[in-house]
Amino acid sequence: MTAREIIQKRLNHEGTDVTPYDIHIEPELEKRLAKFYNDPDWRAGKLREFTCSYMNVDNQLLYWIDDKYQKDAYGALWRMDKKPWHLEKPPLGEPTLDGYDFPGPEVFTKQIFENKTEAIKKYEANDEQYRLINMGWGIFEHTWRLRGFENTLIDMIDNEDYYFEVTSLLTENYVKSIQACADIPADAFLFGDDWGDQRGIIFGPTLWRKFLKPCWNKIYSEVHKQNKKVIHHSCGSVAEIYEDLIEIGMDCHESVQPEAAGMAPEILKEKWGDRMSFWGSLGSQGILNDGTPDEIKREIFRLADLFKKDGGYVLAPAKPLVDNMDINRAVAVIEAFSQLAGPLS
């Protein structure tokens, strides 16, 4: 089977002998691994690339204003010279859109219309990999880039009309971008919107259901009209809203952090494994940070076996392998993944 067929089966809750995986590696660690394997093209001989993305919708549109700062399409100022880069000044000092020129859908769909002819050619030429359209930042994340994180949490309580107005406009931008991608022969849209921390939903499930569930319901519906899958990234624990996410049509949660409350893969499989797929579960905070190479390999094979029969799973580290990761731990991940993929052509 092709990598595309394997992931299609997995997301339809069918078992496969080969466990599909996904792995992102920070650049300095990539260099260290190339040195370890004495091969600048080491990935080609070790890892199977299960996915591709030739349409990455930029819904930030950052541009440099000097050597330290960038601005985005919404007018937020970002400091970029430190890691992680962070919001220096949001564009809205008060919870109102009066006098503010909110960027409309055409600002973001322009890039899609300019780039999709070439993207379509690339997708059509690639019969091997599962085809993703990457949609970037999400609704909640955009609300706090407009007002700042703390102000946004306050707005949910004290400025409901403003918050409903903003989320409605953001949803319209998203829907129009999805509609602009209708003729792209991809398999799934990959969204991102971080709702969770280690304990649960940052602002609680009640406010999530009130403000964000209706937005994502509309967005997911547009995706399913195109017969594409919804894959959605959220960090932290989101177990308390899984029933809601299943109801509105999330097909797969990416990337599962197993250390967060209620997110152990055994629990996820038992409670929701027949209705939701999971992408991740290899703990970046735990096993990859403090496990021995042998412990890491055992955990990878355990996760593969857990979902092998019934599918609903793509194996991945919860976060990219970081630049300062111990090289022996990193090699353990690569070697175990290599065994799962079988012989590479």
C-alpha atoms as a PDB file:
ATOM      1  CA  MET A   1       0.000   0.000   0.000  1.00  0.00           C
ATOM      2  CA  THR A   2       1.030   3.586  -0.529  1.00  0.00           C
ATOM      3  CA  ALA A   3       1.530   5.857   2.450  1.00  0.00           C
ATOM      4  CA  ARG A   4      -1.650   7.640   1.382  1.00  0.00           C
ATOM      5  CA  GLU A   5      -3.675   4.431   1.423  1.00  0.00           C
ATOM      6  CA  ILE A   6      -2.284   3.479   4.824  1.00  0.00           C
ATOM      7  CA  ILE A   7      -3.302   6.778   6.447  1.00  0.00           C
ATOM      8  CA  GLN A   8      -6.677   6.722   4.699  1.00  0.00           C
ATOM      9  CA  LYS A   9      -7.358   3.319   6.213  1.00  0.00           C
ATOM     10  CA  ARG A  10      -6.126   4.398   9.619  1.00  0.00           C
ATOM     11  CA  LEU A  11      -8.353   7.495   9.671  1.00  0.00           C
ATOM     12  CA  ASN A  12     -11.275   5.269   8.675  1.00  0.00           C
ATOM     13  CA  HIS A  13     -10.524   3.097  11.730  1.00  0.00           C
ATOM     14  CA  GLU A  14      -9.098   0.172   9.813  1.00  0.00           C
ATOM     15  CA  GLY A  15      -5.996  -1.651  10.948  1.00  0.00           C
ATOM     16  CA  THR A  16      -2.829  -1.820   8.853  1.00  0.00           C
ATOM     17  CA  ASP A  17       0.336  -3.876   9.300  1.00  0.00           C
ATOM     18  CA  VAL A  18       2.458  -0.774   8.726  1.00  0.00           C
ATOM     19  CA  THR A  19       2.121   1.933  11.373  1.00  0.00           C
ATOM     20  CA  PRO A  20       2.064   5.364   9.733  1.00  0.00           C
ATOM     21  CA  TYR A  21       4.077   8.043  11.461  1.00  0.00           C
ATOM     22  CA  ASP A  22       4.957  11.698  11.277  1.00  0.00           C
ATOM     23  CA  ILE A  23       8.063  13.352  12.666  1.00  0.00           C
ATOM     24  CA  HIS A  24       9.342  16.925  12.758  1.00  0.00           C
ATOM     25  CA  ILE A  25      12.927  17.693  13.736  1.00  0.00           C
ATOM     26  CA  GLU A  26      14.421  21.084  14.576  1.00  0.00           C
ATOM     27  CA  PRO A  27      17.259  22.194  12.243  1.00  0.00           C
ATOM     28  CA  GLU A  28      20.279  21.853  14.542  1.00  0.00           C
ATOM     29  CA  LEU A  29      19.269  18.327  15.505  1.00  0.00           C
ATOM     30  CA  GLU A  30      18.842  17.523  11.806  1.00  0.00           C
ATOM     31  CA  LYS A  31      22.484  18.519  11.342  1.00  0.00           C
ATOM     32  CA  ARG A  32      23.613  16.423  14.295  1.00  0.00           C
ATOM     33  CA  LEU A  33      21.753  13.406  12.944  1.00  0.00           C
ATOM     34  CA  ALA A  34      23.354  13.899   9.532  1.00  0.00           C
ATOM     35  CA  LYS A  35      26.729  13.878  11.263  1.00  0.00           C
ATOM     36  CA  PHE A  36      25.812  10.790  13.297  1.00  0.00           C
ATOM     37  CA  TYR A  37      24.765   8.855  10.191  1.00  0.00           C
ATOM     38  CA  ASN A  38      27.570  10.411   8.140  1.00  0.00           C
ATOM     39  CA  ASP A  39      24.994  11.147   5.460  1.00  0.00           C
ATOM     40  CA  PRO A  40      23.437  14.552   4.632  1.00  0.00           C
ATOM     41  CA  ASP A  41      20.505  12.699   3.060  1.00  0.00           C
ATOM     42  CA  TRP A  42      20.008  10.308   5.967  1.00  0.00           C
ATOM     43  CA  ARG A  43      16.211  10.742   6.037  1.00  0.00           C
ATOM     44  CA  ALA A  44      15.819   9.112   2.646  1.00  0.00           C
ATOM     45  CA  GLY A  45      17.341   5.889   3.915  1.00  0.00           C
ATOM     46  CA  LYS A  46      15.686   5.860   7.326  1.00  0.00           C
ATOM     47  CA  LEU A  47      12.254   7.453   7.239  1.00  0.00           C
ATOM     48  CA  ARG A  48       9.185   7.062   5.093  1.00  0.00           C
ATOM     49  CA  GLU A  49       7.484  10.366   4.366  1.00  0.00           C
ATOM     50  CA  PHE A  50       3.789   9.632   4.872  1.00  0.00           C
ATOM     51  CA  THR A  51       2.382  13.104   4.207  1.00  0.00           C
ATOM     52  CA  CYS A  52       2.834  16.057   1.889  1.00  0.00           C
ATOM     53  CA  SER A  53       1.499  19.607   1.890  1.00  0.00           C
ATOM     54  CA  TYR A  54       1.758  21.805  -1.195  1.00  0.00           C
ATOM     55  CA  MET A  55      -0.825  24.354  -0.049  1.00  0.00           C
ATOM     56  CA  ASN A  56       0.026  26.109   3.195  1.00  0.00           C
ATOM     57  CA  VAL A  57      -2.440  28.928   3.803  1.00  0.00           C
ATOM     58  CA  ASP A  58      -0.707  31.807   5.557  1.00  0.00           C
ATOM     59  CA  ASN A  59      -3.319  33.458   7.773  1.00  0.00           C
ATOM     60  CA  GLN A  60      -0.767  35.641   9.553  1.00  0.00           C
ATOM     61  CA  LEU A  61       1.037  37.328   6.618  1.00  0.00           C
ATOM     62  CA  LEU A  62       3.906  38.539   8.780  1.00  0.00           C
ATOM     63  CA  TYR A  63       6.313  41.067   7.317  1.00  0.00           C
ATOM     64  CA  TRP A  64       9.514  42.586   8.689  1.00  0.00           C
ATOM     65  CA  ILE A  65       9.502  46.196   9.842  1.00  0.00           C
ATOM     66  CA  ASP A  66      13.100  46.091  11.125  1.00  0.00           C
ATOM     67  CA  ASP A  67      15.680  43.464  12.107  1.00  0.00           C
ATOM     68  CA  LYS A  68      13.841  42.602  15.321  1.00  0.00           C
ATOM     69  CA  TYR A  69      10.100  43.039  14.747  1.00  0.00           C
ATOM     70  CA  GLN A  70       7.403  41.834  12.384  1.00  0.00           C
ATOM     71  CA  LYS A  71       3.798  42.865  11.917  1.00  0.00           C
ATOM     72  CA  ASP A  72       0.958  40.643  10.787  1.00  0.00           C
ATOM     73  CA  ALA A  73      -2.100  41.272   8.611  1.00  0.00           C
ATOM     74  CA  TYR A  74      -4.116  42.224  11.703  1.00  0.00           C
ATOM     75  CA  GLY A  75      -1.598  44.849  12.827  1.00  0.00           C
ATOM     76  CA  ALA A  76      -0.115  42.916  15.742  1.00  0.00           C
ATOM     77  CA  LEU A  77       3.551  43.580  16.513  1.00  0.00           C
ATOM     78  CA  TRP A  78       5.739  40.501  17.103  1.00  0.00           C
ATOM     79  CA  ARG A  79       9.243  40.331  18.505  1.00  0.00           C
ATOM     80  CA  MET A  80      11.202  37.747  16.504  1.00  0.00           C
ATOM     81  CA  ASP A  81      14.792  37.855  17.780  1.00  0.00           C
ATOM     82  CA  LYS A  82      14.223  35.501  20.723  1.00  0.00           C
ATOM     83  CA  LYS A  83      12.863  31.985  20.990  1.00  0.00           C
ATOM     84  CA  PRO A  84       9.954  31.668  21.223  1.00  0.00           C
ATOM     85  CA  TRP A  85       8.926  34.784  19.346  1.00  0.00           C
ATOM     86  CA  HIS A  86       6.094  36.582  21.099  1.00  0.00           C
ATOM     87  CA  LEU A  87       3.368  39.188  20.833  1.00  0.00           C
ATOM     88  CA  GLU A  88       4.846  42.562  21.710  1.00  0.00           C
ATOM     89  CA  LYS A  89       1.821  44.782  21.056  1.00  0.00           C
ATOM     90  CA  PRO A  90      -1.691  43.747  19.966  1.00  0.00           C
ATOM     91  CA  PRO A  91      -3.532  46.115  17.621  1.00  0.00           C
ATOM     92  CA  LEU A  92      -6.644  46.570  19.783  1.00  0.00           C
ATOM     93  CA  GLY A  93      -6.209  48.326  23.102  1.00  0.00           C
ATOM     94  CA  GLU A  94      -9.938  48.224  23.793  1.00  0.00           C
ATOM     95  CA  PRO A  95     -12.605  45.543  23.133  1.00  0.00           C
ATOM     96  CA  THR A  96     -14.132  47.259  20.120  1.00  0.00           C
ATOM     97  CA  LEU A  97     -13.717  47.191  16.350  1.00  0.00           C
ATOM     98  CA  ASP A  98     -14.736  50.837  15.993  1.00  0.00           C
ATOM     99  CA  GLY A  99     -12.205  52.555  13.759  1.00  0.00           C
ATOM    100  CA  TYR A 100     -10.363  49.290  13.066  1.00  0.00           C
ATOM    101  CA  ASP A 101     -10.028  47.928   9.525  1.00  0.00           C
ATOM    102  CA  PHE A 102     -10.587  44.199  10.024  1.00  0.00           C
ATOM    103  CA  PRO A 103      -8.873  42.273   7.182  1.00  0.00           C
ATOM    104  CA  GLY A 104     -11.450  40.455   5.070  1.00  0.00           C
ATOM    105  CA  PRO A 105     -11.325  37.060   3.323  1.00  0.00           C
ATOM    106  CA  GLU A 106      -9.818  38.472   0.131  1.00  0.00           C
ATOM    107  CA  VAL A 107      -6.617  39.354   2.017  1.00  0.00           C
ATOM    108  CA  PHE A 108      -6.002  35.640   2.692  1.00  0.00           C
ATOM    109  CA  THR A 109      -7.604  33.945  -0.330  1.00  0.00           C
ATOM    110  CA  LYS A 110      -5.425  35.942  -2.746  1.00  0.00           C
ATOM    111  CA  GLN A 111      -2.443  33.656  -2.034  1.00  0.00           C
ATOM    112  CA  ILE A 112      -4.591  30.558  -2.596  1.00  0.00           C
ATOM    113  CA  PHE A 113      -5.724  31.663  -6.044  1.00  0.00           C
ATOM    114  CA  GLU A 114      -2.160  32.640  -6.947  1.00  0.00           C
ATOM    115  CA  ASN A 115      -0.606  29.345  -5.848  1.00  0.00           C
ATOM    116  CA  LYS A 116      -3.179  26.626  -6.297  1.00  0.00           C
ATOM    117  CA  THR A 117      -2.591  25.825  -9.968  1.00  0.00           C
ATOM    118  CA  GLU A 118       0.942  24.740  -9.126  1.00  0.00           C
ATOM    119  CA  ALA A 119      -0.231  23.041  -5.932  1.00  0.00           C
ATOM    120  CA  ILE A 120      -2.830  21.020  -7.838  1.00  0.00           C
ATOM    121  CA  LYS A 121      -0.157  19.786 -10.242  1.00  0.00           C
ATOM    122  CA  LYS A 122       2.031  18.659  -7.348  1.00  0.00           C
ATOM    123  CA  TYR A 123      -0.789  16.885  -5.524  1.00  0.00           C
ATOM    124  CA  GLU A 124      -1.887  15.105  -8.691  1.00  0.00           C
ATOM    125  CA  ALA A 125       1.676  13.992  -9.411  1.00  0.00           C
ATOM    126  CA  ASN A 126       2.134  12.502  -5.930  1.00  0.00           C
ATOM    127  CA  ASP A 127       0.370   9.153  -5.640  1.00  0.00           C
ATOM    128  CA  GLU A 128       2.446   8.063  -2.645  1.00  0.00           C
ATOM    129  CA  GLN A 129       1.752  10.494   0.200  1.00  0.00           C
ATOM    130  CA  TYR A 130      -1.324  11.564   2.151  1.00  0.00           C
ATOM    131  CA  ARG A 131      -2.225  15.063   1.001  1.00  0.00           C
ATOM    132  CA  LEU A 132      -2.688  17.848   3.563  1.00  0.00           C
ATOM    133  CA  ILE A 133      -3.708  21.487   3.244  1.00  0.00           C
ATOM    134  CA  ASN A 134      -2.195  23.382   6.170  1.00  0.00           C
ATOM    135  CA  MET A 135      -4.467  26.142   7.483  1.00  0.00           C
ATOM    136  CA  GLY A 136      -2.257  27.736  10.135  1.00  0.00           C
ATOM    137  CA  TRP A 137      -3.459  29.597  13.229  1.00  0.00           C
ATOM    138  CA  GLY A 138      -6.989  29.136  14.558  1.00  0.00           C
ATOM    139  CA  ILE A 139      -9.914  31.195  15.832  1.00  0.00           C
ATOM    140  CA  PHE A 140      -8.998  31.443  19.533  1.00  0.00           C
ATOM    141  CA  GLU A 141      -5.350  32.133  18.691  1.00  0.00           C
ATOM    142  CA  HIS A 142      -6.314  34.983  16.389  1.00  0.00           C
ATOM    143  CA  THR A 143      -8.547  36.541  19.040  1.00  0.00           C
ATOM    144  CA  TRP A 144      -5.650  36.842  21.442  1.00  0.00           C
ATOM    145  CA  ARG A 145      -3.274  38.174  18.804  1.00  0.00           C
ATOM    146  CA  LEU A 146      -5.787  41.022  18.420  1.00  0.00           C
ATOM    147  CA  ARG A 147      -6.075  41.855  22.130  1.00  0.00           C
ATOM    148  CA  GLY A 148      -3.359  39.981  24.005  1.00  0.00           C
ATOM    149  CA  PHE A 149      -3.864  36.733  25.911  1.00  0.00           C
ATOM    150  CA  GLU A 150      -5.063  38.043  29.279  1.00  0.00           C
ATOM    151  CA  ASN A 151      -7.367  40.637  27.746  1.00  0.00           C
ATOM    152  CA  THR A 152      -8.917  37.957  25.555  1.00  0.00           C
ATOM    153  CA  LEU A 153      -9.759  35.768  28.536  1.00  0.00           C
ATOM    154  CA  ILE A 154     -11.364  38.795  30.190  1.00  0.00           C
ATOM    155  CA  ASP A 155     -13.271  39.620  26.986  1.00  0.00           C
ATOM    156  CA  MET A 156     -14.910  36.197  27.067  1.00  0.00           C
ATOM    157  CA  ILE A 157     -16.503  37.163  30.374  1.00  0.00           C
ATOM    158  CA  ASP A 158     -16.930  40.943  30.268  1.00  0.00           C
ATOM    159  CA  ASN A 159     -17.181  41.757  26.546  1.00  0.00           C
ATOM    160  CA  GLU A 160     -19.255  39.004  24.988  1.00  0.00           C
ATOM    161  CA  ASP A 161     -20.673  41.065  22.109  1.00  0.00           C
ATOM    162  CA  TYR A 162     -17.187  42.074  21.003  1.00  0.00           C
ATOM    163  CA  TYR A 163     -15.921  38.500  21.244  1.00  0.00           C
ATOM    164  CA  PHE A 164     -18.839  37.098  19.253  1.00  0.00           C
ATOM    165  CA  GLU A 165     -18.262  39.750  16.575  1.00  0.00           C
ATOM    166  CA  VAL A 166     -14.563  38.944  16.256  1.00  0.00           C
ATOM    167  CA  THR A 167     -15.016  35.174  16.156  1.00  0.00           C
ATOM    168  CA  SER A 168     -17.726  35.566  13.515  1.00  0.00           C
ATOM    169  CA  LEU A 169     -15.434  37.610  11.264  1.00  0.00           C
ATOM    170  CA  LEU A 170     -12.556  35.176  11.748  1.00  0.00           C
ATOM    171  CA  THR A 171     -14.809  32.235  10.931  1.00  0.00           C
ATOM    172  CA  GLU A 172     -15.896  33.910   7.698  1.00  0.00           C
ATOM    173  CA  ASN A 173     -12.234  34.331   6.724  1.00  0.00           C
ATOM    174  CA  TYR A 174     -11.627  30.652   7.383  1.00  0.00           C
ATOM    175  CA  VAL A 175     -14.723  29.493   5.488  1.00  0.00           C
ATOM    176  CA  LYS A 176     -13.825  31.540   2.412  1.00  0.00           C
ATOM    177  CA  SER A 177     -10.269  30.150   2.446  1.00  0.00           C
ATOM    178  CA  ILE A 178     -11.601  26.599   2.622  1.00  0.00           C
ATOM    179  CA  GLN A 179     -14.007  27.275  -0.228  1.00  0.00           C
ATOM    180  CA  ALA A 180     -11.122  28.622  -2.306  1.00  0.00           C
ATOM    181  CA  CYS A 181      -9.397  25.253  -1.870  1.00  0.00           C
ATOM    182  CA  ALA A 182     -12.391  23.205  -3.053  1.00  0.00           C
ATOM    183  CA  ASP A 183     -10.789  22.081  -6.331  1.00  0.00           C
ATOM    184  CA  ILE A 184      -7.466  21.094  -4.755  1.00  0.00           C
ATOM    185  CA  PRO A 185      -7.228  17.269  -4.688  1.00  0.00           C
ATOM    186  CA  ALA A 186      -6.101  17.009  -1.075  1.00  0.00           C
ATOM    187  CA  ASP A 187      -7.258  14.450   1.480  1.00  0.00           C
ATOM    188  CA  ALA A 188      -7.525  16.618   4.573  1.00  0.00           C
ATOM    189  CA  PHE A 189      -7.257  20.085   6.053  1.00  0.00           C
ATOM    190  CA  LEU A 190      -4.896  20.491   9.006  1.00  0.00           C
ATOM    191  CA  PHE A 191      -6.036  23.205  11.410  1.00  0.00           C
ATOM    192  CA  GLY A 192      -4.431  24.554  14.553  1.00  0.00           C
ATOM    193  CA  ASP A 193      -5.974  26.205  17.607  1.00  0.00           C
ATOM    194  CA  ASP A 194      -4.445  25.639  21.041  1.00  0.00           C
ATOM    195  CA  TRP A 195      -7.252  25.303  23.588  1.00  0.00           C
ATOM    196  CA  GLY A 196      -5.653  23.140  26.261  1.00  0.00           C
ATOM    197  CA  ASP A 197      -3.085  23.320  29.005  1.00  0.00           C
ATOM    198  CA  GLN A 198      -1.904  20.435  31.192  1.00  0.00           C
ATOM    199  CA  ARG A 199      -5.168  20.395  33.181  1.00  0.00           C
ATOM    200  CA  GLY A 200      -7.848  20.943  30.557  1.00  0.00           C
ATOM    201  CA  ILE A 201      -9.377  23.686  28.423  1.00  0.00           C
ATOM    202  CA  ILE A 202      -7.625  26.938  29.329  1.00  0.00           C
ATOM    203  CA  PHE A 203     -10.838  28.946  29.603  1.00  0.00           C
ATOM    204  CA  GLY A 204     -13.075  25.999  30.475  1.00  0.00           C
ATOM    205  CA  PRO A 205     -15.389  23.833  28.357  1.00  0.00           C
ATOM    206  CA  THR A 206     -18.433  26.069  28.946  1.00  0.00           C
ATOM    207  CA  LEU A 207     -16.849  29.093  27.260  1.00  0.00           C
ATOM    208  CA  TRP A 208     -15.395  26.878  24.518  1.00  0.00           C
ATOM    209  CA  ARG A 209     -18.891  25.574  23.740  1.00  0.00           C
ATOM    210  CA  LYS A 210     -20.333  29.080  23.843  1.00  0.00           C
ATOM    211  CA  PHE A 211     -17.834  30.881  21.609  1.00  0.00           C
ATOM    212  CA  LEU A 212     -15.721  28.431  19.643  1.00  0.00           C
ATOM    213  CA  LYS A 213     -17.822  25.345  19.039  1.00  0.00           C
ATOM    214  CA  PRO A 214     -20.202  27.176  16.644  1.00  0.00           C
ATOM    215  CA  CYS A 215     -17.235  28.572  14.690  1.00  0.00           C
ATOM    216  CA  TRP A 216     -15.554  25.235  14.210  1.00  0.00           C
ATOM    217  CA  ASN A 217     -18.864  23.565  13.426  1.00  0.00           C
ATOM    218  CA  LYS A 218     -19.186  25.865  10.386  1.00  0.00           C
ATOM    219  CA  ILE A 219     -15.561  25.346   9.395  1.00  0.00           C
ATOM    220  CA  TYR A 220     -15.647  21.551   9.666  1.00  0.00           C
ATOM    221  CA  SER A 221     -18.905  21.463   7.688  1.00  0.00           C
ATOM    222  CA  GLU A 222     -17.218  23.267   4.799  1.00  0.00           C
ATOM    223  CA  VAL A 223     -14.410  20.715   4.843  1.00  0.00           C
ATOM    224  CA  HIS A 224     -16.801  17.766   4.764  1.00  0.00           C
ATOM    225  CA  LYS A 225     -18.695  19.307   1.840  1.00  0.00           C
ATOM    226  CA  GLN A 226     -15.461  18.703  -0.102  1.00  0.00           C
ATOM    227  CA  ASN A 227     -15.246  15.077   1.116  1.00  0.00           C
ATOM    228  CA  LYS A 228     -12.037  15.893   2.933  1.00  0.00           C
ATOM    229  CA  LYS A 229     -11.025  15.001   6.492  1.00  0.00           C
ATOM    230  CA  VAL A 230     -10.654  17.399   9.416  1.00  0.00           C
ATOM    231  CA  ILE A 231      -7.360  17.048  11.273  1.00  0.00           C
ATOM    232  CA  HIS A 232      -7.022  19.566  14.078  1.00  0.00           C
ATOM    233  CA  HIS A 233      -4.025  20.426  16.231  1.00  0.00           C
ATOM    234  CA  SER A 234      -4.476  21.471  19.832  1.00  0.00           C
ATOM    235  CA  CYS A 235      -1.927  21.239  22.588  1.00  0.00           C
ATOM    236  CA  GLY A 236      -2.688  20.076  26.100  1.00  0.00           C
ATOM    237  CA  SER A 237      -5.727  18.284  27.477  1.00  0.00           C
ATOM    238  CA  VAL A 238      -8.900  18.534  25.401  1.00  0.00           C
ATOM    239  CA  ALA A 239     -10.505  15.297  26.596  1.00  0.00           C
ATOM    240  CA  GLU A 240     -13.387  17.147  28.258  1.00  0.00           C
ATOM    241  CA  ILE A 241     -14.642  18.394  24.853  1.00  0.00           C
ATOM    242  CA  TYR A 242     -14.017  15.267  22.751  1.00  0.00           C
ATOM    243  CA  GLU A 243     -17.732  14.480  22.622  1.00  0.00           C
ATOM    244  CA  ASP A 244     -18.350  17.995  21.275  1.00  0.00           C
ATOM    245  CA  LEU A 245     -15.552  17.661  18.734  1.00  0.00           C
ATOM    246  CA  ILE A 246     -16.923  14.350  17.515  1.00  0.00           C
ATOM    247  CA  GLU A 247     -20.392  15.917  17.274  1.00  0.00           C
ATOM    248  CA  ILE A 248     -19.220  18.769  15.019  1.00  0.00           C
ATOM    249  CA  GLY A 249     -17.007  16.566  12.872  1.00  0.00           C
ATOM    250  CA  MET A 250     -13.382  16.534  13.959  1.00  0.00           C
ATOM    251  CA  ASP A 251     -11.953  13.395  12.356  1.00  0.00           C
ATOM    252  CA  CYS A 252      -8.518  13.394  13.976  1.00  0.00           C
ATOM    253  CA  HIS A 253      -6.882  15.203  16.895  1.00  0.00           C
ATOM    254  CA  GLU A 254      -3.259  16.182  16.322  1.00  0.00           C
ATOM    255  CA  SER A 255      -0.939  16.224  18.260  1.00  0.00           C
ATOM    256  CA  VAL A 256      -1.838  14.265  21.371  1.00  0.00           C
ATOM    257  CA  GLN A 257       0.253  15.088  24.459  1.00  0.00           C
ATOM    258  CA  PRO A 258      -0.036  11.964  26.642  1.00  0.00           C
ATOM    259  CA  GLU A 259       1.215  13.649  29.828  1.00  0.00           C
ATOM    260  CA  ALA A 260      -1.745  16.053  29.943  1.00  0.00           C
ATOM    261  CA  ALA A 261      -4.801  15.206  32.046  1.00  0.00           C
ATOM    262  CA  GLY A 262      -6.937  12.411  30.597  1.00  0.00           C
ATOM    263  CA  MET A 263      -4.827  12.110  27.424  1.00  0.00           C
ATOM    264  CA  ALA A 264      -3.141   8.738  27.944  1.00  0.00           C
ATOM    265  CA  PRO A 265      -3.480   6.791  24.677  1.00  0.00           C
ATOM    266  CA  GLU A 266      -5.117   3.806  26.388  1.00  0.00           C
ATOM    267  CA  ILE A 267      -7.874   6.076  27.707  1.00  0.00           C
ATOM    268  CA  LEU A 268      -8.372   7.754  24.337  1.00  0.00           C
ATOM    269  CA  LYS A 269      -8.637   4.455  22.520  1.00  0.00           C
ATOM    270  CA  GLU A 270     -11.080   2.977  25.021  1.00  0.00           C
ATOM    271  CA  LYS A 271     -13.419   5.991  25.221  1.00  0.00           C
ATOM    272  CA  TRP A 272     -13.306   7.481  21.731  1.00  0.00           C
ATOM    273  CA  GLY A 273     -11.169   5.230  19.541  1.00  0.00           C
ATOM    274  CA  ASP A 274     -14.087   4.061  17.388  1.00  0.00           C
ATOM    275  CA  ARG A 275     -15.228   7.642  16.628  1.00  0.00           C
ATOM    276  CA  MET A 276     -12.073   9.779  16.685  1.00  0.00           C
ATOM    277  CA  SER A 277      -8.566   9.268  15.365  1.00  0.00           C
ATOM    278  CA  PHE A 278      -5.441  10.390  17.177  1.00  0.00           C
ATOM    279  CA  TRP A 279      -2.111  11.698  15.887  1.00  0.00           C
ATOM    280  CA  GLY A 280       0.810  11.842  18.339  1.00  0.00           C
ATOM    281  CA  SER A 281       0.963  10.243  21.820  1.00  0.00           C
ATOM    282  CA  LEU A 282       4.764   9.872  21.940  1.00  0.00           C
ATOM    283  CA  GLY A 283       5.452  12.065  24.946  1.00  0.00           C
ATOM    284  CA  SER A 284       7.838  14.961  24.409  1.00  0.00           C
ATOM    285  CA  GLN A 285       7.606  16.006  28.065  1.00  0.00           C
ATOM    286  CA  GLY A 286       8.182  12.509  29.416  1.00  0.00           C
ATOM    287  CA  ILE A 287       9.696   9.539  27.606  1.00  0.00           C
ATOM    288  CA  LEU A 288      11.538  11.525  24.915  1.00  0.00           C
ATOM    289  CA  ASN A 289      13.017  13.846  27.516  1.00  0.00           C
ATOM    290  CA  ASP A 290      14.087  11.421  30.230  1.00  0.00           C
ATOM    291  CA  GLY A 291      13.698   7.866  28.903  1.00  0.00           C
ATOM    292  CA  THR A 292      16.602   5.644  27.927  1.00  0.00           C
ATOM    293  CA  PRO A 293      16.960   4.750  24.233  1.00  0.00           C
ATOM    294  CA  ASP A 294      15.610   1.252  24.961  1.00  0.00           C
ATOM    295  CA  GLU A 295      12.638   2.672  26.882  1.00  0.00           C
ATOM    296  CA  ILE A 296      11.874   5.004  23.983  1.00  0.00           C
ATOM    297  CA  LYS A 297      11.905   2.142  21.497  1.00  0.00           C
ATOM    298  CA  ARG A 298       9.656   0.016  23.693  1.00  0.00           C
ATOM    299  CA  GLU A 299       7.162   2.866  24.004  1.00  0.00           C
ATOM    300  CA  ILE A 300       7.095   3.396  20.237  1.00  0.00           C
ATOM    301  CA  PHE A 301       6.406  -0.289  19.587  1.00  0.00           C
ATOM    302  CA  ARG A 302       3.793  -0.331  22.361  1.00  0.00           C
ATOM    303  CA  LEU A 303       1.912   2.570  20.781  1.00  0.00           C
ATOM    304  CA  ALA A 304       2.095   0.915  17.381  1.00  0.00           C
ATOM    305  CA  ASP A 305       0.634  -2.313  18.773  1.00  0.00           C
ATOM    306  CA  LEU A 306      -2.102  -0.514  20.717  1.00  0.00           C
ATOM    307  CA  PHE A 307      -3.773   0.807  17.569  1.00  0.00           C
ATOM    308  CA  LYS A 308      -2.599  -1.773  15.026  1.00  0.00           C
ATOM    309  CA  LYS A 309      -5.810  -3.797  14.847  1.00  0.00           C
ATOM    310  CA  ASP A 310      -8.434  -1.038  14.848  1.00  0.00           C
ATOM    311  CA  GLY A 311      -6.583   1.912  13.306  1.00  0.00           C
ATOM    312  CA  GLY A 312      -7.539   5.421  14.264  1.00  0.00           C
ATOM    313  CA  TYR A 313      -3.940   6.431  14.856  1.00  0.00           C
ATOM    314  CA  VAL A 314      -0.857   8.044  13.327  1.00  0.00           C
ATOM    315  CA  LEU A 315       2.242   7.755  15.507  1.00  0.00           C
ATOM    316  CA  ALA A 316       4.167  10.953  16.172  1.00  0.00           C
ATOM    317  CA  PRO A 317       6.123  12.780  18.858  1.00  0.00           C
ATOM    318  CA  ALA A 318       3.807  15.243  20.548  1.00  0.00           C
ATOM    319  CA  LYS A 319       6.229  18.023  19.623  1.00  0.00           C
ATOM    320  CA  PRO A 320       9.168  18.300  17.205  1.00  0.00           C
ATOM    321  CA  LEU A 321      12.410  16.673  18.305  1.00  0.00           C
ATOM    322  CA  VAL A 322      14.245  19.673  19.718  1.00  0.00           C
ATOM    323  CA  ASP A 323      17.725  20.914  18.847  1.00  0.00           C
ATOM    324  CA  ASN A 324      19.243  20.037  22.236  1.00  0.00           C
ATOM    325  CA  MET A 325      17.794  16.517  22.416  1.00  0.00           C
ATOM    326  CA  ASP A 326      20.252  13.831  23.453  1.00  0.00           C
ATOM    327  CA  ILE A 327      21.526  12.284  20.223  1.00  0.00           C
ATOM    328  CA  ASN A 328      21.116   8.712  21.468  1.00  0.00           C
ATOM    329  CA  ARG A 329      17.465   9.333  22.288  1.00  0.00           C
ATOM    330  CA  ALA A 330      16.927  10.918  18.878  1.00  0.00           C
ATOM    331  CA  VAL A 331      18.570   7.977  17.139  1.00  0.00           C
ATOM    332  CA  ALA A 332      16.357   5.587  19.102  1.00  0.00           C
ATOM    333  CA  VAL A 333      13.283   7.345  17.697  1.00  0.00           C
ATOM    334  CA  ILE A 334      14.613   7.228  14.141  1.00  0.00           C
ATOM    335  CA  GLU A 335      15.596   3.563  14.314  1.00  0.00           C
ATOM    336  CA  ALA A 336      12.266   2.484  15.832  1.00  0.00           C
ATOM    337  CA  PHE A 337      10.282   4.468  13.277  1.00  0.00           C
ATOM    338  CA  SER A 338      12.402   2.976  10.526  1.00  0.00           C
ATOM    339  CA  GLN A 339      11.454  -0.528  11.661  1.00  0.00           C
ATOM    340  CA  LEU A 340       7.754   0.343  11.694  1.00  0.00           C
ATOM    341  CA  ALA A 341       7.764   1.564   8.094  1.00  0.00           C
ATOM    342  CA  GLY A 342       9.272  -1.605   6.688  1.00  0.00           C
ATOM    343  CA  PRO A 343      11.775  -1.654   3.808  1.00  0.00           C
ATOM    344  CA  LEU A 344      12.124   1.651   1.932  1.00  0.00           C
ATOM    345  CA  SER A 345      12.159   1.504  -1.850  1.00  0.00           C
END
